[in-house]
Amino acid sequence: MSAPVRLGVVLLCHSNLALAARLVRLWTEGGARVAIHVDARAPEAELAQMRAALADRQDSILFSRRRPCRWGHFSLVAATQD
C-alpha cells in the first residue's frame, strides 16, 4: 500500500493578505503544506498581521523572500521558484 498523497500549494499574493491567510489556514487544516510569496510592495503592516494570523501553522507554511512582482513579467516566475 502506498503512502497518502500530500498537497503542496504555492501562493503568490499582493493584496488582501487577511483573505490569503484564511485560505492558507483552510489548506493547512486539510494537511497541505503552503509556500507563500508576498509581493514586496504589499504593506509591511498587512504582512505582520498575516504572519500573526498564521503563527500556529509554522510547521506547515514557508514564507519565501519578498520581491516586487509585475503582471506578465519574469518576476512572477522568480517568486514561484523562491
PDB file of N, CA and C in Angstrom:
ATOM      1  N   MET A   1       0.843  -1.182   0.000  1.00  0.00           N
ATOM      2  CA  MET A   1       0.000   0.000   0.000  1.00  0.00           C
ATOM      3  C   MET A   1       0.889   1.248   0.000  1.00  0.00           C
ATOM      4  N   SER A   2       0.563   2.198  -0.838  1.00  0.00           N
ATOM      5  CA  SER A   2       1.379   3.408  -0.946  1.00  0.00           C
ATOM      6  C   SER A   2       0.980   4.436   0.115  1.00  0.00           C
ATOM      7  N   ALA A   3       1.895   5.351   0.375  1.00  0.00           N
ATOM      8  CA  ALA A   3       1.643   6.411   1.351  1.00  0.00           C
ATOM      9  C   ALA A   3       0.619   7.390   0.786  1.00  0.00           C
ATOM     10  N   PRO A   4      -0.124   8.068   1.655  1.00  0.00           N
ATOM     11  CA  PRO A   4      -1.101   9.045   1.170  1.00  0.00           C
ATOM     12  C   PRO A   4      -0.401  10.222   0.483  1.00  0.00           C
ATOM     13  N   VAL A   5      -1.066  10.794  -0.458  1.00  0.00           N
ATOM     14  CA  VAL A   5      -0.537  11.943  -1.191  1.00  0.00           C
ATOM     15  C   VAL A   5      -0.812  13.205  -0.379  1.00  0.00           C
ATOM     16  N   ARG A   6       0.199  14.076  -0.271  1.00  0.00           N
ATOM     17  CA  ARG A   6       0.024  15.347   0.432  1.00  0.00           C
ATOM     18  C   ARG A   6       0.037  16.473  -0.587  1.00  0.00           C
ATOM     19  N   LEU A   7      -0.851  17.391  -0.405  1.00  0.00           N
ATOM     20  CA  LEU A   7      -0.962  18.537  -1.295  1.00  0.00           C
ATOM     21  C   LEU A   7       0.054  19.605  -0.908  1.00  0.00           C
ATOM     22  N   GLY A   8       0.699  20.171  -1.902  1.00  0.00           N
ATOM     23  CA  GLY A   8       1.579  21.317  -1.705  1.00  0.00           C
ATOM     24  C   GLY A   8       1.053  22.476  -2.535  1.00  0.00           C
ATOM     25  N   VAL A   9       1.024  23.660  -1.949  1.00  0.00           N
ATOM     26  CA  VAL A   9       0.469  24.834  -2.620  1.00  0.00           C
ATOM     27  C   VAL A   9       1.508  25.951  -2.614  1.00  0.00           C
ATOM     28  N   VAL A  10       1.652  26.625  -3.744  1.00  0.00           N
ATOM     29  CA  VAL A  10       2.463  27.839  -3.825  1.00  0.00           C
ATOM     30  C   VAL A  10       1.488  28.996  -3.994  1.00  0.00           C
ATOM     31  N   LEU A  11       1.492  29.913  -3.051  1.00  0.00           N
ATOM     32  CA  LEU A  11       0.568  31.044  -3.065  1.00  0.00           C
ATOM     33  C   LEU A  11       1.349  32.329  -3.293  1.00  0.00           C
ATOM     34  N   LEU A  12       1.025  33.030  -4.378  1.00  0.00           N
ATOM     35  CA  LEU A  12       1.592  34.350  -4.650  1.00  0.00           C
ATOM     36  C   LEU A  12       0.507  35.370  -4.339  1.00  0.00           C
ATOM     37  N   CYS A  13       0.785  36.304  -3.448  1.00  0.00           N
ATOM     38  CA  CYS A  13      -0.247  37.291  -3.112  1.00  0.00           C
ATOM     39  C   CYS A  13       0.361  38.688  -3.037  1.00  0.00           C
ATOM     40  N   HIS A  14      -0.482  39.675  -3.302  1.00  0.00           N
ATOM     41  CA  HIS A  14      -0.019  41.058  -3.293  1.00  0.00           C
ATOM     42  C   HIS A  14      -0.974  41.992  -2.564  1.00  0.00           C
ATOM     43  N   SER A  15      -2.181  41.530  -2.293  1.00  0.00           N
ATOM     44  CA  SER A  15      -3.155  42.349  -1.571  1.00  0.00           C
ATOM     45  C   SER A  15      -4.124  41.415  -0.855  1.00  0.00           C
ATOM     46  N   ASN A  16      -4.942  42.010   0.007  1.00  0.00           N
ATOM     47  CA  ASN A  16      -5.929  41.258   0.780  1.00  0.00           C
ATOM     48  C   ASN A  16      -5.276  40.060   1.485  1.00  0.00           C
ATOM     49  N   LEU A  17      -4.241  40.345   2.249  1.00  0.00           N
ATOM     50  CA  LEU A  17      -3.487  39.293   2.917  1.00  0.00           C
ATOM     51  C   LEU A  17      -4.298  38.595   4.004  1.00  0.00           C
ATOM     52  N   ALA A  18      -5.316  39.264   4.545  1.00  0.00           N
ATOM     53  CA  ALA A  18      -6.182  38.614   5.534  1.00  0.00           C
ATOM     54  C   ALA A  18      -6.943  37.460   4.880  1.00  0.00           C
ATOM     55  N   LEU A  19      -7.439  37.669   3.679  1.00  0.00           N
ATOM     56  CA  LEU A  19      -8.126  36.599   2.955  1.00  0.00           C
ATOM     57  C   LEU A  19      -7.145  35.490   2.584  1.00  0.00           C
ATOM     58  N   ALA A  20      -5.948  35.868   2.163  1.00  0.00           N
ATOM     59  CA  ALA A  20      -4.926  34.874   1.835  1.00  0.00           C
ATOM     60  C   ALA A  20      -4.610  34.015   3.056  1.00  0.00           C
ATOM     61  N   ALA A  21      -4.535  34.627   4.230  1.00  0.00           N
ATOM     62  CA  ALA A  21      -4.269  33.870   5.462  1.00  0.00           C
ATOM     63  C   ALA A  21      -5.393  32.877   5.742  1.00  0.00           C
ATOM     64  N   ARG A  22      -6.626  33.265   5.466  1.00  0.00           N
ATOM     65  CA  ARG A  22      -7.757  32.339   5.661  1.00  0.00           C
ATOM     66  C   ARG A  22      -7.638  31.144   4.725  1.00  0.00           C
ATOM     67  N   LEU A  23      -7.252  31.386   3.473  1.00  0.00           N
ATOM     68  CA  LEU A  23      -7.052  30.282   2.530  1.00  0.00           C
ATOM     69  C   LEU A  23      -5.945  29.347   3.008  1.00  0.00           C
ATOM     70  N   VAL A  24      -4.843  29.925   3.468  1.00  0.00           N
ATOM     71  CA  VAL A  24      -3.725  29.119   3.961  1.00  0.00           C
ATOM     72  C   VAL A  24      -4.183  28.266   5.137  1.00  0.00           C
ATOM     73  N   ARG A  25      -4.953  28.846   6.029  1.00  0.00           N
ATOM     74  CA  ARG A  25      -5.456  28.097   7.185  1.00  0.00           C
ATOM     75  C   ARG A  25      -6.313  26.912   6.719  1.00  0.00           C
ATOM     76  N   LEU A  26      -7.194  27.126   5.755  1.00  0.00           N
ATOM     77  CA  LEU A  26      -8.034  26.033   5.239  1.00  0.00           C
ATOM     78  C   LEU A  26      -7.184  24.928   4.626  1.00  0.00           C
ATOM     79  N   TRP A  27      -6.219  25.316   3.821  1.00  0.00           N
ATOM     80  CA  TRP A  27      -5.367  24.315   3.171  1.00  0.00           C
ATOM     81  C   TRP A  27      -4.560  23.521   4.188  1.00  0.00           C
ATOM     82  N   THR A  28      -3.986  24.210   5.185  1.00  0.00           N
ATOM     83  CA  THR A  28      -3.161  23.500   6.165  1.00  0.00           C
ATOM     84  C   THR A  28      -4.004  22.631   7.086  1.00  0.00           C
ATOM     85  N   GLU A  29      -5.225  23.049   7.370  1.00  0.00           N
ATOM     86  CA  GLU A  29      -6.118  22.195   8.170  1.00  0.00           C
ATOM     87  C   GLU A  29      -6.408  20.895   7.437  1.00  0.00           C
ATOM     88  N   GLY A  30      -6.370  20.930   6.117  1.00  0.00           N
ATOM     89  CA  GLY A  30      -6.580  19.735   5.311  1.00  0.00           C
ATOM     90  C   GLY A  30      -5.308  18.923   5.096  1.00  0.00           C
ATOM     91  N   GLY A  31      -4.195  19.372   5.677  1.00  0.00           N
ATOM     92  CA  GLY A  31      -2.954  18.621   5.581  1.00  0.00           C
ATOM     93  C   GLY A  31      -1.961  19.125   4.556  1.00  0.00           C
ATOM     94  N   ALA A  32      -2.290  20.199   3.863  1.00  0.00           N
ATOM     95  CA  ALA A  32      -1.387  20.731   2.838  1.00  0.00           C
ATOM     96  C   ALA A  32      -0.241  21.513   3.468  1.00  0.00           C
ATOM     97  N   ARG A  33       0.838  21.594   2.724  1.00  0.00           N
ATOM     98  CA  ARG A  33       1.943  22.490   3.066  1.00  0.00           C
ATOM     99  C   ARG A  33       1.891  23.638   2.067  1.00  0.00           C
ATOM    100  N   VAL A  34       2.157  24.848   2.557  1.00  0.00           N
ATOM    101  CA  VAL A  34       1.970  26.029   1.720  1.00  0.00           C
ATOM    102  C   VAL A  34       3.232  26.895   1.728  1.00  0.00           C
ATOM    103  N   ALA A  35       3.713  27.214   0.536  1.00  0.00           N
ATOM    104  CA  ALA A  35       4.792  28.186   0.359  1.00  0.00           C
ATOM    105  C   ALA A  35       4.140  29.504  -0.046  1.00  0.00           C
ATOM    106  N   ILE A  36       4.462  30.564   0.676  1.00  0.00           N
ATOM    107  CA  ILE A  36       3.793  31.849   0.484  1.00  0.00           C
ATOM    108  C   ILE A  36       4.798  32.903   0.034  1.00  0.00           C
ATOM    109  N   HIS A  37       4.479  33.562  -1.078  1.00  0.00           N
ATOM    110  CA  HIS A  37       5.253  34.727  -1.501  1.00  0.00           C
ATOM    111  C   HIS A  37       4.342  35.938  -1.419  1.00  0.00           C
ATOM    112  N   VAL A  38       4.777  36.946  -0.672  1.00  0.00           N
ATOM    113  CA  VAL A  38       4.037  38.201  -0.568  1.00  0.00           C
ATOM    114  C   VAL A  38       4.836  39.259  -1.315  1.00  0.00           C
ATOM    115  N   ASP A  39       4.197  39.886  -2.275  1.00  0.00           N
ATOM    116  CA  ASP A  39       4.845  40.915  -3.086  1.00  0.00           C
ATOM    117  C   ASP A  39       5.523  41.946  -2.180  1.00  0.00           C
ATOM    118  N   ALA A  40       6.705  42.371  -2.570  1.00  0.00           N
ATOM    119  CA  ALA A  40       7.471  43.330  -1.771  1.00  0.00           C
ATOM    120  C   ALA A  40       6.764  44.672  -1.633  1.00  0.00           C
ATOM    121  N   ARG A  41       5.826  44.947  -2.519  1.00  0.00           N
ATOM    122  CA  ARG A  41       5.106  46.220  -2.442  1.00  0.00           C
ATOM    123  C   ARG A  41       3.885  46.159  -1.537  1.00  0.00           C
ATOM    124  N   ALA A  42       3.559  44.977  -1.014  1.00  0.00           N
ATOM    125  CA  ALA A  42       2.445  44.863  -0.063  1.00  0.00           C
ATOM    126  C   ALA A  42       2.860  45.538   1.244  1.00  0.00           C
ATOM    127  N   PRO A  43       1.921  46.199   1.912  1.00  0.00           N
ATOM    128  CA  PRO A  43       2.268  46.903   3.152  1.00  0.00           C
ATOM    129  C   PRO A  43       2.821  45.960   4.228  1.00  0.00           C
ATOM    130  N   GLU A  44       3.886  46.399   4.868  1.00  0.00           N
ATOM    131  CA  GLU A  44       4.535  45.605   5.914  1.00  0.00           C
ATOM    132  C   GLU A  44       3.569  45.301   7.060  1.00  0.00           C
ATOM    133  N   ALA A  45       2.685  46.246   7.386  1.00  0.00           N
ATOM    134  CA  ALA A  45       1.722  46.031   8.477  1.00  0.00           C
ATOM    135  C   ALA A  45       0.767  44.881   8.148  1.00  0.00           C
ATOM    136  N   GLU A  46       0.333  44.808   6.889  1.00  0.00           N
ATOM    137  CA  GLU A  46      -0.546  43.696   6.482  1.00  0.00           C
ATOM    138  C   GLU A  46       0.181  42.366   6.566  1.00  0.00           C
ATOM    139  N   LEU A  47       1.446  42.354   6.173  1.00  0.00           N
ATOM    140  CA  LEU A  47       2.232  41.126   6.257  1.00  0.00           C
ATOM    141  C   LEU A  47       2.396  40.699   7.713  1.00  0.00           C
ATOM    142  N   ALA A  48       2.640  41.647   8.598  1.00  0.00           N
ATOM    143  CA  ALA A  48       2.776  41.330  10.022  1.00  0.00           C
ATOM    144  C   ALA A  48       1.486  40.707  10.558  1.00  0.00           C
ATOM    145  N   GLN A  49       0.341  41.237  10.140  1.00  0.00           N
ATOM    146  CA  GLN A  49      -0.946  40.666  10.561  1.00  0.00           C
ATOM    147  C   GLN A  49      -1.119  39.259  10.006  1.00  0.00           C
ATOM    148  N   MET A  50      -0.704  39.041   8.769  1.00  0.00           N
ATOM    149  CA  MET A  50      -0.809  37.713   8.165  1.00  0.00           C
ATOM    150  C   MET A  50       0.065  36.715   8.922  1.00  0.00           C
ATOM    151  N   ARG A  51       1.297  37.120   9.211  1.00  0.00           N
ATOM    152  CA  ARG A  51       2.202  36.239   9.959  1.00  0.00           C
ATOM    153  C   ARG A  51       1.622  35.901  11.333  1.00  0.00           C
ATOM    154  N   ALA A  52       1.039  36.897  11.997  1.00  0.00           N
ATOM    155  CA  ALA A  52       0.442  36.662  13.316  1.00  0.00           C
ATOM    156  C   ALA A  52      -0.745  35.709  13.214  1.00  0.00           C
ATOM    157  N   ALA A  53      -1.556  35.869  12.168  1.00  0.00           N
ATOM    158  CA  ALA A  53      -2.728  35.005  11.987  1.00  0.00           C
ATOM    159  C   ALA A  53      -2.332  33.560  11.716  1.00  0.00           C
ATOM    160  N   LEU A  54      -1.124  33.358  11.189  1.00  0.00           N
ATOM    161  CA  LEU A  54      -0.669  32.011  10.845  1.00  0.00           C
ATOM    162  C   LEU A  54       0.431  31.502  11.776  1.00  0.00           C
ATOM    163  N   ALA A  55       0.635  32.170  12.893  1.00  0.00           N
ATOM    164  CA  ALA A  55       1.728  31.816  13.807  1.00  0.00           C
ATOM    165  C   ALA A  55       1.644  30.374  14.290  1.00  0.00           C
ATOM    166  N   ASP A  56       0.443  29.848  14.414  1.00  0.00           N
ATOM    167  CA  ASP A  56       0.281  28.465  14.896  1.00  0.00           C
ATOM    168  C   ASP A  56       0.414  27.435  13.774  1.00  0.00           C
ATOM    169  N   ARG A  57       0.721  27.872  12.576  1.00  0.00           N
ATOM    170  CA  ARG A  57       0.837  26.975  11.414  1.00  0.00           C
ATOM    171  C   ARG A  57       2.272  26.883  10.897  1.00  0.00           C
ATOM    172  N   GLN A  58       3.241  27.313  11.676  1.00  0.00           N
ATOM    173  CA  GLN A  58       4.622  27.391  11.202  1.00  0.00           C
ATOM    174  C   GLN A  58       5.183  26.065  10.718  1.00  0.00           C
ATOM    175  N   ASP A  59       4.628  24.950  11.187  1.00  0.00           N
ATOM    176  CA  ASP A  59       5.120  23.643  10.738  1.00  0.00           C
ATOM    177  C   ASP A  59       4.624  23.286   9.342  1.00  0.00           C
ATOM    178  N   SER A  60       3.644  24.033   8.824  1.00  0.00           N
ATOM    179  CA  SER A  60       3.048  23.712   7.524  1.00  0.00           C
ATOM    180  C   SER A  60       3.234  24.799   6.474  1.00  0.00           C
ATOM    181  N   ILE A  61       3.835  25.931   6.861  1.00  0.00           N
ATOM    182  CA  ILE A  61       3.981  27.032   5.905  1.00  0.00           C
ATOM    183  C   ILE A  61       5.433  27.493   5.821  1.00  0.00           C
ATOM    184  N   LEU A  62       5.727  28.143   4.715  1.00  0.00           N
ATOM    185  CA  LEU A  62       7.045  28.730   4.497  1.00  0.00           C
ATOM    186  C   LEU A  62       6.837  30.058   3.781  1.00  0.00           C
ATOM    187  N   PHE A  63       7.352  31.129   4.354  1.00  0.00           N
ATOM    188  CA  PHE A  63       7.332  32.420   3.677  1.00  0.00           C
ATOM    189  C   PHE A  63       8.625  32.548   2.882  1.00  0.00           C
ATOM    190  N   SER A  64       8.518  32.780   1.582  1.00  0.00           N
ATOM    191  CA  SER A  64       9.713  32.967   0.756  1.00  0.00           C
ATOM    192  C   SER A  64      10.155  34.428   0.838  1.00  0.00           C
ATOM    193  N   ARG A  65      11.344  34.686   0.314  1.00  0.00           N
ATOM    194  CA  ARG A  65      11.823  36.072   0.342  1.00  0.00           C
ATOM    195  C   ARG A  65      10.935  36.924  -0.552  1.00  0.00           C
ATOM    196  N   ARG A  66      10.749  38.152  -0.140  1.00  0.00           N
ATOM    197  CA  ARG A  66       9.866  39.051  -0.871  1.00  0.00           C
ATOM    198  C   ARG A  66      10.610  39.714  -2.017  1.00  0.00           C
ATOM    199  N   ARG A  67       9.909  39.850  -3.123  1.00  0.00           N
ATOM    200  CA  ARG A  67      10.436  40.575  -4.279  1.00  0.00           C
ATOM    201  C   ARG A  67       9.258  41.277  -4.946  1.00  0.00           C
ATOM    202  N   PRO A  68       9.492  42.427  -5.572  1.00  0.00           N
ATOM    203  CA  PRO A  68       8.407  43.097  -6.289  1.00  0.00           C
ATOM    204  C   PRO A  68       8.064  42.307  -7.553  1.00  0.00           C
ATOM    205  N   CYS A  69       6.791  42.110  -7.785  1.00  0.00           N
ATOM    206  CA  CYS A  69       6.329  41.348  -8.954  1.00  0.00           C
ATOM    207  C   CYS A  69       5.448  42.222  -9.830  1.00  0.00           C
ATOM    208  N   ARG A  70       5.573  42.012 -11.124  1.00  0.00           N
ATOM    209  CA  ARG A  70       4.733  42.722 -12.089  1.00  0.00           C
ATOM    210  C   ARG A  70       4.041  41.696 -12.960  1.00  0.00           C
ATOM    211  N   TRP A  71       2.778  41.932 -13.242  1.00  0.00           N
ATOM    212  CA  TRP A  71       1.982  41.010 -14.031  1.00  0.00           C
ATOM    213  C   TRP A  71       2.608  40.823 -15.411  1.00  0.00           C
ATOM    214  N   GLY A  72       2.776  39.551 -15.798  1.00  0.00           N
ATOM    215  CA  GLY A  72       3.314  39.237 -17.109  1.00  0.00           C
ATOM    216  C   GLY A  72       4.833  39.310 -17.194  1.00  0.00           C
ATOM    217  N   HIS A  73       5.500  39.544 -16.085  1.00  0.00           N
ATOM    218  CA  HIS A  73       6.958  39.659 -16.079  1.00  0.00           C
ATOM    219  C   HIS A  73       7.589  38.419 -15.451  1.00  0.00           C
ATOM    220  N   PHE A  74       8.877  38.251 -15.712  1.00  0.00           N
ATOM    221  CA  PHE A  74       9.600  37.102 -15.187  1.00  0.00           C
ATOM    222  C   PHE A  74       9.638  37.103 -13.663  1.00  0.00           C
ATOM    223  N   SER A  75       9.412  38.244 -13.044  1.00  0.00           N
ATOM    224  CA  SER A  75       9.437  38.316 -11.579  1.00  0.00           C
ATOM    225  C   SER A  75       8.433  37.348 -10.956  1.00  0.00           C
ATOM    226  N   LEU A  76       7.341  37.044 -11.646  1.00  0.00           N
ATOM    227  CA  LEU A  76       6.368  36.061 -11.133  1.00  0.00           C
ATOM    228  C   LEU A  76       6.959  34.657 -11.131  1.00  0.00           C
ATOM    229  N   VAL A  77       7.721  34.337 -12.153  1.00  0.00           N
ATOM    230  CA  VAL A  77       8.390  33.032 -12.206  1.00  0.00           C
ATOM    231  C   VAL A  77       9.433  32.952 -11.100  1.00  0.00           C
ATOM    232  N   ALA A  78      10.213  34.011 -10.947  1.00  0.00           N
ATOM    233  CA  ALA A  78      11.250  34.033  -9.915  1.00  0.00           C
ATOM    234  C   ALA A  78      10.641  33.895  -8.523  1.00  0.00           C
ATOM    235  N   ALA A  79       9.521  34.565  -8.283  1.00  0.00           N
ATOM    236  CA  ALA A  79       8.858  34.457  -6.976  1.00  0.00           C
ATOM    237  C   ALA A  79       8.369  33.035  -6.733  1.00  0.00           C
ATOM    238  N   THR A  80       7.897  32.375  -7.769  1.00  0.00           N
ATOM    239  CA  THR A  80       7.439  30.992  -7.643  1.00  0.00           C
ATOM    240  C   THR A  80       8.615  30.071  -7.341  1.00  0.00           C
ATOM    241  N   GLN A  81       9.750  30.330  -7.944  1.00  0.00           N
ATOM    242  CA  GLN A  81      10.929  29.491  -7.725  1.00  0.00           C
ATOM    243  C   GLN A  81      11.558  29.701  -6.356  1.00  0.00           C
ATOM    244  N   ASP A  82      11.383  30.883  -5.786  1.00  0.00           N
ATOM    245  CA  ASP A  82      11.951  31.152  -4.458  1.00  0.00           C
ATOM    246  C   ASP A  82      11.344  30.212  -3.449  1.00  0.00           C
TER     247      ASP A  82
END
